């Protein structure tokens, strides 16, 4: 008898131009209770995002005539879903570029399905508070962190500028900024930030922190080349300068 997936199951999209891969990944994820859409090009993904947006997209960068990085950028510009790049491109530069465009994680082929599932769950844990209508912060928790005119709402997972303009953050960027704002005036190592924001499933790729800090600076610093909010501490990590109220 085929597995029955509840309509409330978490919806994932697997986008790869190799049908065998989408089928393999979809079957495995369905066996773990997910609802999975199998897609093979950017047009199909755009249609799905309009009709039935998934919580998380697994995106291959090599989609025939489609530019996977351009698709990733479009997702980040218009949607708040999770994004895990799953690709055969294993070069460190490709990983950095993938993370620069806003991916929450980067998995290279060939991959272990169990590791892929662990990474999906890690991103899912960071996403679900923003998507769950029943998620309520503990009564004693402070949900709004204010610094240098900025307001970070940790319950709604939103950021507003001093001019009260909403600023879009990826899941990784939000988690990183939250970690900084909860540890003002303290030098935080890359290992600490990696563990706090990505968990043990992330693997030893601490350049992801440098990439995300760079993206954050471009969004919250008046001059990203001369940062005053998130400062680098040579050989030690990063320091969140402002007082948080």
C-alpha atoms as a PDB file:
ATOM      1  CA  UNK A   1       0.000   0.000   0.000  1.00  0.00           C
ATOM      2  CA  UNK A   2       1.334   3.456  -0.893  1.00  0.00           C
ATOM      3  CA  UNK A   3       2.243   5.819   1.908  1.00  0.00           C
ATOM      4  CA  UNK A   4      -0.459   8.362   2.651  1.00  0.00           C
ATOM      5  CA  UNK A   5       0.781  11.873   3.361  1.00  0.00           C
ATOM      6  CA  UNK A   6      -1.355  14.193   5.449  1.00  0.00           C
ATOM      7  CA  UNK A   7      -2.458  17.441   3.824  1.00  0.00           C
ATOM      8  CA  UNK A   8      -0.782  19.120   6.789  1.00  0.00           C
ATOM      9  CA  UNK A   9       2.573  17.529   5.901  1.00  0.00           C
ATOM     10  CA  UNK A  10       5.436  19.923   5.245  1.00  0.00           C
ATOM     11  CA  UNK A  11       5.647  20.705   1.540  1.00  0.00           C
ATOM     12  CA  UNK A  12       9.059  20.521  -0.151  1.00  0.00           C
ATOM     13  CA  UNK A  13      10.017  21.119  -3.782  1.00  0.00           C
ATOM     14  CA  UNK A  14      12.833  19.167  -5.435  1.00  0.00           C
ATOM     15  CA  UNK A  15      14.099  20.907  -8.589  1.00  0.00           C
ATOM     16  CA  UNK A  16      16.558  18.968 -10.774  1.00  0.00           C
ATOM     17  CA  UNK A  17      16.648  18.316 -14.526  1.00  0.00           C
ATOM     18  CA  UNK A  18      17.532  14.662 -13.853  1.00  0.00           C
ATOM     19  CA  UNK A  19      14.240  12.837 -13.285  1.00  0.00           C
ATOM     20  CA  UNK A  20      15.996   9.916 -11.573  1.00  0.00           C
ATOM     21  CA  UNK A  21      17.368  12.225  -8.891  1.00  0.00           C
ATOM     22  CA  UNK A  22      14.073  13.986  -8.205  1.00  0.00           C
ATOM     23  CA  UNK A  23      12.330  10.614  -7.980  1.00  0.00           C
ATOM     24  CA  UNK A  24      14.987   9.182  -5.625  1.00  0.00           C
ATOM     25  CA  UNK A  25      14.922  12.197  -3.311  1.00  0.00           C
ATOM     26  CA  UNK A  26      11.123  12.510  -3.429  1.00  0.00           C
ATOM     27  CA  UNK A  27      10.581   8.849  -2.531  1.00  0.00           C
ATOM     28  CA  UNK A  28      12.971   9.115   0.404  1.00  0.00           C
ATOM     29  CA  UNK A  29      11.436  12.331   1.751  1.00  0.00           C
ATOM     30  CA  UNK A  30       7.875  11.044   1.296  1.00  0.00           C
ATOM     31  CA  UNK A  31       8.898   8.043   3.374  1.00  0.00           C
ATOM     32  CA  UNK A  32       9.722  10.504   6.164  1.00  0.00           C
ATOM     33  CA  UNK A  33       6.338  12.210   6.053  1.00  0.00           C
ATOM     34  CA  UNK A  34       6.938  15.109   3.668  1.00  0.00           C
ATOM     35  CA  UNK A  35       4.768  16.202   0.755  1.00  0.00           C
ATOM     36  CA  UNK A  36       7.072  16.583  -2.223  1.00  0.00           C
ATOM     37  CA  UNK A  37       6.704  18.311  -5.589  1.00  0.00           C
ATOM     38  CA  UNK A  38       9.104  17.128  -8.302  1.00  0.00           C
ATOM     39  CA  UNK A  39      10.130  19.800 -10.813  1.00  0.00           C
ATOM     40  CA  UNK A  40      12.664  19.992 -13.619  1.00  0.00           C
ATOM     41  CA  UNK A  41      12.942  23.647 -14.662  1.00  0.00           C
ATOM     42  CA  UNK A  42      12.582  27.223 -13.496  1.00  0.00           C
ATOM     43  CA  UNK A  43       9.201  27.804 -15.163  1.00  0.00           C
ATOM     44  CA  UNK A  44       7.636  24.910 -13.253  1.00  0.00           C
ATOM     45  CA  UNK A  45       9.055  26.248 -10.004  1.00  0.00           C
ATOM     46  CA  UNK A  46       7.653  29.732 -10.677  1.00  0.00           C
ATOM     47  CA  UNK A  47       4.215  28.223 -11.283  1.00  0.00           C
ATOM     48  CA  UNK A  48       4.420  26.184  -8.071  1.00  0.00           C
ATOM     49  CA  UNK A  49       5.488  29.205  -6.007  1.00  0.00           C
ATOM     50  CA  UNK A  50       2.396  31.048  -7.214  1.00  0.00           C
ATOM     51  CA  UNK A  51      -0.058  28.183  -6.717  1.00  0.00           C
ATOM     52  CA  UNK A  52       1.239  26.079  -3.806  1.00  0.00           C
ATOM     53  CA  UNK A  53       4.450  27.492  -2.320  1.00  0.00           C
ATOM     54  CA  UNK A  54       6.602  24.974  -0.446  1.00  0.00           C
ATOM     55  CA  UNK A  55       8.264  25.617   2.890  1.00  0.00           C
ATOM     56  CA  UNK A  56      11.631  24.700   1.407  1.00  0.00           C
ATOM     57  CA  UNK A  57      13.125  24.308  -2.071  1.00  0.00           C
ATOM     58  CA  UNK A  58      15.942  21.885  -2.942  1.00  0.00           C
ATOM     59  CA  UNK A  59      17.467  23.472  -6.046  1.00  0.00           C
ATOM     60  CA  UNK A  60      20.038  22.124  -8.490  1.00  0.00           C
ATOM     61  CA  UNK A  61      22.159  24.818 -10.135  1.00  0.00           C
ATOM     62  CA  UNK A  62      22.526  22.943 -13.426  1.00  0.00           C
ATOM     63  CA  UNK A  63      19.057  23.001 -14.973  1.00  0.00           C
ATOM     64  CA  UNK A  64      19.814  22.709 -18.660  1.00  0.00           C
ATOM     65  CA  UNK A  65      19.154  26.101 -20.251  1.00  0.00           C
ATOM     66  CA  UNK A  66      18.007  27.637 -16.945  1.00  0.00           C
ATOM     67  CA  UNK A  67      20.426  29.596 -14.738  1.00  0.00           C
ATOM     68  CA  UNK A  68      20.150  28.047 -11.279  1.00  0.00           C
ATOM     69  CA  UNK A  69      21.742  31.039  -9.558  1.00  0.00           C
ATOM     70  CA  UNK A  70      19.279  33.400 -11.254  1.00  0.00           C
ATOM     71  CA  UNK A  71      16.423  31.200 -10.021  1.00  0.00           C
ATOM     72  CA  UNK A  72      17.879  31.287  -6.505  1.00  0.00           C
ATOM     73  CA  UNK A  73      18.085  35.100  -6.605  1.00  0.00           C
ATOM     74  CA  UNK A  74      14.479  35.341  -7.789  1.00  0.00           C
ATOM     75  CA  UNK A  75      13.339  33.067  -4.962  1.00  0.00           C
ATOM     76  CA  UNK A  76      15.100  35.256  -2.417  1.00  0.00           C
ATOM     77  CA  UNK A  77      13.669  38.462  -3.879  1.00  0.00           C
ATOM     78  CA  UNK A  78      10.047  37.297  -3.909  1.00  0.00           C
ATOM     79  CA  UNK A  79       9.612  34.455  -1.392  1.00  0.00           C
ATOM     80  CA  UNK A  80      10.466  33.623   2.226  1.00  0.00           C
ATOM     81  CA  UNK A  81      10.884  29.876   1.705  1.00  0.00           C
ATOM     82  CA  UNK A  82      13.940  27.935   2.756  1.00  0.00           C
ATOM     83  CA  UNK A  83      16.495  27.260   0.042  1.00  0.00           C
ATOM     84  CA  UNK A  84      18.993  24.400  -0.053  1.00  0.00           C
ATOM     85  CA  UNK A  85      21.206  24.212  -3.116  1.00  0.00           C
ATOM     86  CA  UNK A  86      21.876  20.589  -4.139  1.00  0.00           C
ATOM     87  CA  UNK A  87      24.423  20.468  -6.939  1.00  0.00           C
ATOM     88  CA  UNK A  88      27.440  18.795  -8.448  1.00  0.00           C
ATOM     89  CA  UNK A  89      29.428  22.041  -8.223  1.00  0.00           C
ATOM     90  CA  UNK A  90      31.780  21.396  -5.298  1.00  0.00           C
ATOM     91  CA  UNK A  91      34.264  24.233  -5.735  1.00  0.00           C
ATOM     92  CA  UNK A  92      34.542  26.560  -2.723  1.00  0.00           C
ATOM     93  CA  UNK A  93      33.851  29.592  -4.932  1.00  0.00           C
ATOM     94  CA  UNK A  94      30.578  28.025  -6.121  1.00  0.00           C
ATOM     95  CA  UNK A  95      29.594  27.416  -2.482  1.00  0.00           C
ATOM     96  CA  UNK A  96      30.316  30.996  -1.544  1.00  0.00           C
ATOM     97  CA  UNK A  97      28.351  32.335  -4.518  1.00  0.00           C
ATOM     98  CA  UNK A  98      25.444  30.040  -3.673  1.00  0.00           C
ATOM     99  CA  UNK A  99      25.386  31.296  -0.105  1.00  0.00           C
ATOM    100  CA  UNK A 100      25.796  34.881  -1.305  1.00  0.00           C
ATOM    101  CA  UNK A 101      22.533  34.673  -3.257  1.00  0.00           C
ATOM    102  CA  UNK A 102      20.759  33.596  -0.068  1.00  0.00           C
ATOM    103  CA  UNK A 103      20.847  29.803   0.183  1.00  0.00           C
ATOM    104  CA  UNK A 104      20.356  28.420   3.699  1.00  0.00           C
ATOM    105  CA  UNK A 105      22.618  25.457   2.945  1.00  0.00           C
ATOM    106  CA  UNK A 106      24.696  23.966   0.136  1.00  0.00           C
ATOM    107  CA  UNK A 107      24.892  20.208  -0.493  1.00  0.00           C
ATOM    108  CA  UNK A 108      27.155  18.673  -3.145  1.00  0.00           C
ATOM    109  CA  UNK A 109      26.480  15.557  -5.214  1.00  0.00           C
ATOM    110  CA  UNK A 110      26.854  12.721  -4.625  1.00  0.00           C
ATOM    111  CA  UNK A 111      25.166  13.054  -1.250  1.00  0.00           C
ATOM    112  CA  UNK A 112      23.945  10.752   1.489  1.00  0.00           C
ATOM    113  CA  UNK A 113      20.147  10.894   1.729  1.00  0.00           C
ATOM    114  CA  UNK A 114      20.341  10.739   5.502  1.00  0.00           C
ATOM    115  CA  UNK A 115      22.629  13.770   5.590  1.00  0.00           C
ATOM    116  CA  UNK A 116      20.325  15.617   3.174  1.00  0.00           C
ATOM    117  CA  UNK A 117      17.373  14.894   5.476  1.00  0.00           C
ATOM    118  CA  UNK A 118      19.323  16.160   8.493  1.00  0.00           C
ATOM    119  CA  UNK A 119      20.133  19.399   6.691  1.00  0.00           C
ATOM    120  CA  UNK A 120      16.505  19.835   5.609  1.00  0.00           C
ATOM    121  CA  UNK A 121      15.373  19.388   9.207  1.00  0.00           C
ATOM    122  CA  UNK A 122      17.947  21.914  10.418  1.00  0.00           C
ATOM    123  CA  UNK A 123      16.633  24.558   8.017  1.00  0.00           C
ATOM    124  CA  UNK A 124      13.053  23.556   8.795  1.00  0.00           C
ATOM    125  CA  UNK A 125      13.576  24.119  12.515  1.00  0.00           C
ATOM    126  CA  UNK A 126      14.717  27.660  11.813  1.00  0.00           C
ATOM    127  CA  UNK A 127      11.839  28.311   9.420  1.00  0.00           C
ATOM    128  CA  UNK A 128       8.843  26.904  11.224  1.00  0.00           C
ATOM    129  CA  UNK A 129       8.470  29.571  13.957  1.00  0.00           C
ATOM    130  CA  UNK A 130       7.922  32.128  11.178  1.00  0.00           C
ATOM    131  CA  UNK A 131       5.349  29.931   9.420  1.00  0.00           C
ATOM    132  CA  UNK A 132       3.480  28.483  12.404  1.00  0.00           C
ATOM    133  CA  UNK A 133       0.371  30.333  13.507  1.00  0.00           C
ATOM    134  CA  UNK A 134       0.571  28.599  16.868  1.00  0.00           C
ATOM    135  CA  UNK A 135       4.153  29.499  17.646  1.00  0.00           C
ATOM    136  CA  UNK A 136       4.107  31.659  20.784  1.00  0.00           C
ATOM    137  CA  UNK A 137       7.255  32.936  22.478  1.00  0.00           C
ATOM    138  CA  UNK A 138       7.747  32.137  26.156  1.00  0.00           C
ATOM    139  CA  UNK A 139       6.025  34.778  28.330  1.00  0.00           C
ATOM    140  CA  UNK A 140       9.309  35.958  29.800  1.00  0.00           C
ATOM    141  CA  UNK A 141      11.113  36.173  26.468  1.00  0.00           C
ATOM    142  CA  UNK A 142      11.901  39.573  25.052  1.00  0.00           C
ATOM    143  CA  UNK A 143      10.665  39.474  21.482  1.00  0.00           C
ATOM    144  CA  UNK A 144      11.842  42.856  20.178  1.00  0.00           C
ATOM    145  CA  UNK A 145      15.521  43.746  20.207  1.00  0.00           C
ATOM    146  CA  UNK A 146      16.369  47.384  19.424  1.00  0.00           C
ATOM    147  CA  UNK A 147      19.819  48.613  18.428  1.00  0.00           C
ATOM    148  CA  UNK A 148      21.103  51.704  16.604  1.00  0.00           C
ATOM    149  CA  UNK A 149      17.541  52.591  15.594  1.00  0.00           C
ATOM    150  CA  UNK A 150      16.824  49.113  14.206  1.00  0.00           C
ATOM    151  CA  UNK A 151      14.066  46.804  15.549  1.00  0.00           C
ATOM    152  CA  UNK A 152      14.422  43.029  15.359  1.00  0.00           C
ATOM    153  CA  UNK A 153      11.223  41.134  16.225  1.00  0.00           C
ATOM    154  CA  UNK A 154      12.285  37.618  17.152  1.00  0.00           C
ATOM    155  CA  UNK A 155       8.709  36.313  17.333  1.00  0.00           C
ATOM    156  CA  UNK A 156       7.573  37.599  13.934  1.00  0.00           C
ATOM    157  CA  UNK A 157      11.125  37.199  12.571  1.00  0.00           C
ATOM    158  CA  UNK A 158      11.107  40.647  11.018  1.00  0.00           C
ATOM    159  CA  UNK A 159      13.575  43.521  10.872  1.00  0.00           C
ATOM    160  CA  UNK A 160      12.713  47.224  10.575  1.00  0.00           C
ATOM    161  CA  UNK A 161      15.124  50.009   9.752  1.00  0.00           C
ATOM    162  CA  UNK A 162      15.370  53.281  11.706  1.00  0.00           C
ATOM    163  CA  UNK A 163      12.977  54.673   9.054  1.00  0.00           C
ATOM    164  CA  UNK A 164      10.528  51.838   9.892  1.00  0.00           C
ATOM    165  CA  UNK A 165      11.109  50.156   6.558  1.00  0.00           C
ATOM    166  CA  UNK A 166      10.804  46.363   6.513  1.00  0.00           C
ATOM    167  CA  UNK A 167      14.089  44.717   5.517  1.00  0.00           C
ATOM    168  CA  UNK A 168      13.944  41.183   4.123  1.00  0.00           C
ATOM    169  CA  UNK A 169      16.326  38.671   5.694  1.00  0.00           C
ATOM    170  CA  UNK A 170      17.029  35.087   4.755  1.00  0.00           C
ATOM    171  CA  UNK A 171      16.623  32.471   7.471  1.00  0.00           C
ATOM    172  CA  UNK A 172      20.384  32.312   7.974  1.00  0.00           C
ATOM    173  CA  UNK A 173      20.727  36.098   8.095  1.00  0.00           C
ATOM    174  CA  UNK A 174      17.944  36.401  10.650  1.00  0.00           C
ATOM    175  CA  UNK A 175      19.424  33.705  12.892  1.00  0.00           C
ATOM    176  CA  UNK A 176      22.849  35.317  12.680  1.00  0.00           C
ATOM    177  CA  UNK A 177      21.567  38.801  13.489  1.00  0.00           C
ATOM    178  CA  UNK A 178      19.532  37.404  16.398  1.00  0.00           C
ATOM    179  CA  UNK A 179      22.644  35.729  17.783  1.00  0.00           C
ATOM    180  CA  UNK A 180      24.589  38.984  17.530  1.00  0.00           C
ATOM    181  CA  UNK A 181      21.786  41.048  19.099  1.00  0.00           C
ATOM    182  CA  UNK A 182      21.519  38.609  22.012  1.00  0.00           C
ATOM    183  CA  UNK A 183      25.277  38.870  22.631  1.00  0.00           C
ATOM    184  CA  UNK A 184      26.150  42.581  22.346  1.00  0.00           C
ATOM    185  CA  UNK A 185      29.661  43.672  23.289  1.00  0.00           C
ATOM    186  CA  UNK A 186      30.971  40.111  23.158  1.00  0.00           C
ATOM    187  CA  UNK A 187      33.492  38.803  20.630  1.00  0.00           C
ATOM    188  CA  UNK A 188      31.908  35.763  18.970  1.00  0.00           C
ATOM    189  CA  UNK A 189      34.069  33.230  17.173  1.00  0.00           C
ATOM    190  CA  UNK A 190      33.093  31.772  13.804  1.00  0.00           C
ATOM    191  CA  UNK A 191      32.719  28.352  15.439  1.00  0.00           C
ATOM    192  CA  UNK A 192      30.308  29.786  18.021  1.00  0.00           C
ATOM    193  CA  UNK A 193      28.268  31.544  15.327  1.00  0.00           C
ATOM    194  CA  UNK A 194      28.215  28.471  13.113  1.00  0.00           C
ATOM    195  CA  UNK A 195      26.996  26.290  15.967  1.00  0.00           C
ATOM    196  CA  UNK A 196      24.427  28.846  17.140  1.00  0.00           C
ATOM    197  CA  UNK A 197      22.920  29.471  13.721  1.00  0.00           C
ATOM    198  CA  UNK A 198      23.330  26.253  11.765  1.00  0.00           C
ATOM    199  CA  UNK A 199      23.768  23.485  14.323  1.00  0.00           C
ATOM    200  CA  UNK A 200      25.961  20.423  14.209  1.00  0.00           C
ATOM    201  CA  UNK A 201      24.439  19.307  10.903  1.00  0.00           C
ATOM    202  CA  UNK A 202      26.139  22.161   9.084  1.00  0.00           C
ATOM    203  CA  UNK A 203      29.606  20.679   8.720  1.00  0.00           C
ATOM    204  CA  UNK A 204      32.992  22.412   8.988  1.00  0.00           C
ATOM    205  CA  UNK A 205      32.528  25.231   6.475  1.00  0.00           C
ATOM    206  CA  UNK A 206      32.968  28.379   8.543  1.00  0.00           C
ATOM    207  CA  UNK A 207      33.262  30.599   5.450  1.00  0.00           C
ATOM    208  CA  UNK A 208      29.451  30.554   5.473  1.00  0.00           C
ATOM    209  CA  UNK A 209      29.574  32.887   8.474  1.00  0.00           C
ATOM    210  CA  UNK A 210      31.812  35.361   6.654  1.00  0.00           C
ATOM    211  CA  UNK A 211      29.462  35.318   3.672  1.00  0.00           C
ATOM    212  CA  UNK A 212      26.380  35.919   5.807  1.00  0.00           C
ATOM    213  CA  UNK A 213      28.077  38.676   7.809  1.00  0.00           C
ATOM    214  CA  UNK A 214      28.902  40.367   4.507  1.00  0.00           C
ATOM    215  CA  UNK A 215      25.267  40.145   3.398  1.00  0.00           C
ATOM    216  CA  UNK A 216      24.045  41.475   6.755  1.00  0.00           C
ATOM    217  CA  UNK A 217      26.427  44.417   6.598  1.00  0.00           C
ATOM    218  CA  UNK A 218      25.092  45.392   3.184  1.00  0.00           C
ATOM    219  CA  UNK A 219      21.595  45.490   4.674  1.00  0.00           C
ATOM    220  CA  UNK A 220      22.151  47.220   8.018  1.00  0.00           C
ATOM    221  CA  UNK A 221      25.387  49.224   7.794  1.00  0.00           C
ATOM    222  CA  UNK A 222      25.446  52.793   6.465  1.00  0.00           C
ATOM    223  CA  UNK A 223      28.860  51.963   4.966  1.00  0.00           C
ATOM    224  CA  UNK A 224      29.389  48.190   4.637  1.00  0.00           C
ATOM    225  CA  UNK A 225      33.081  48.765   3.874  1.00  0.00           C
ATOM    226  CA  UNK A 226      33.486  50.567   7.208  1.00  0.00           C
ATOM    227  CA  UNK A 227      31.072  48.686   9.493  1.00  0.00           C
ATOM    228  CA  UNK A 228      30.022  50.239  12.795  1.00  0.00           C
ATOM    229  CA  UNK A 229      27.464  47.640  13.923  1.00  0.00           C
ATOM    230  CA  UNK A 230      29.207  44.317  13.237  1.00  0.00           C
ATOM    231  CA  UNK A 231      32.968  44.731  13.523  1.00  0.00           C
ATOM    232  CA  UNK A 232      35.627  42.182  12.641  1.00  0.00           C
ATOM    233  CA  UNK A 233      38.098  41.241  15.357  1.00  0.00           C
ATOM    234  CA  UNK A 234      41.250  39.926  13.722  1.00  0.00           C
ATOM    235  CA  UNK A 235      41.934  36.316  14.595  1.00  0.00           C
ATOM    236  CA  UNK A 236      38.954  36.107  16.942  1.00  0.00           C
ATOM    237  CA  UNK A 237      35.675  36.603  15.118  1.00  0.00           C
ATOM    238  CA  UNK A 238      33.060  39.368  15.205  1.00  0.00           C
ATOM    239  CA  UNK A 239      31.800  41.945  17.689  1.00  0.00           C
ATOM    240  CA  UNK A 240      28.271  43.374  17.792  1.00  0.00           C
ATOM    241  CA  UNK A 241      28.899  46.967  18.887  1.00  0.00           C
ATOM    242  CA  UNK A 242      25.544  48.683  19.624  1.00  0.00           C
ATOM    243  CA  UNK A 243      23.747  48.588  22.950  1.00  0.00           C
ATOM    244  CA  UNK A 244      20.631  46.448  22.697  1.00  0.00           C
ATOM    245  CA  UNK A 245      17.461  47.560  24.430  1.00  0.00           C
END
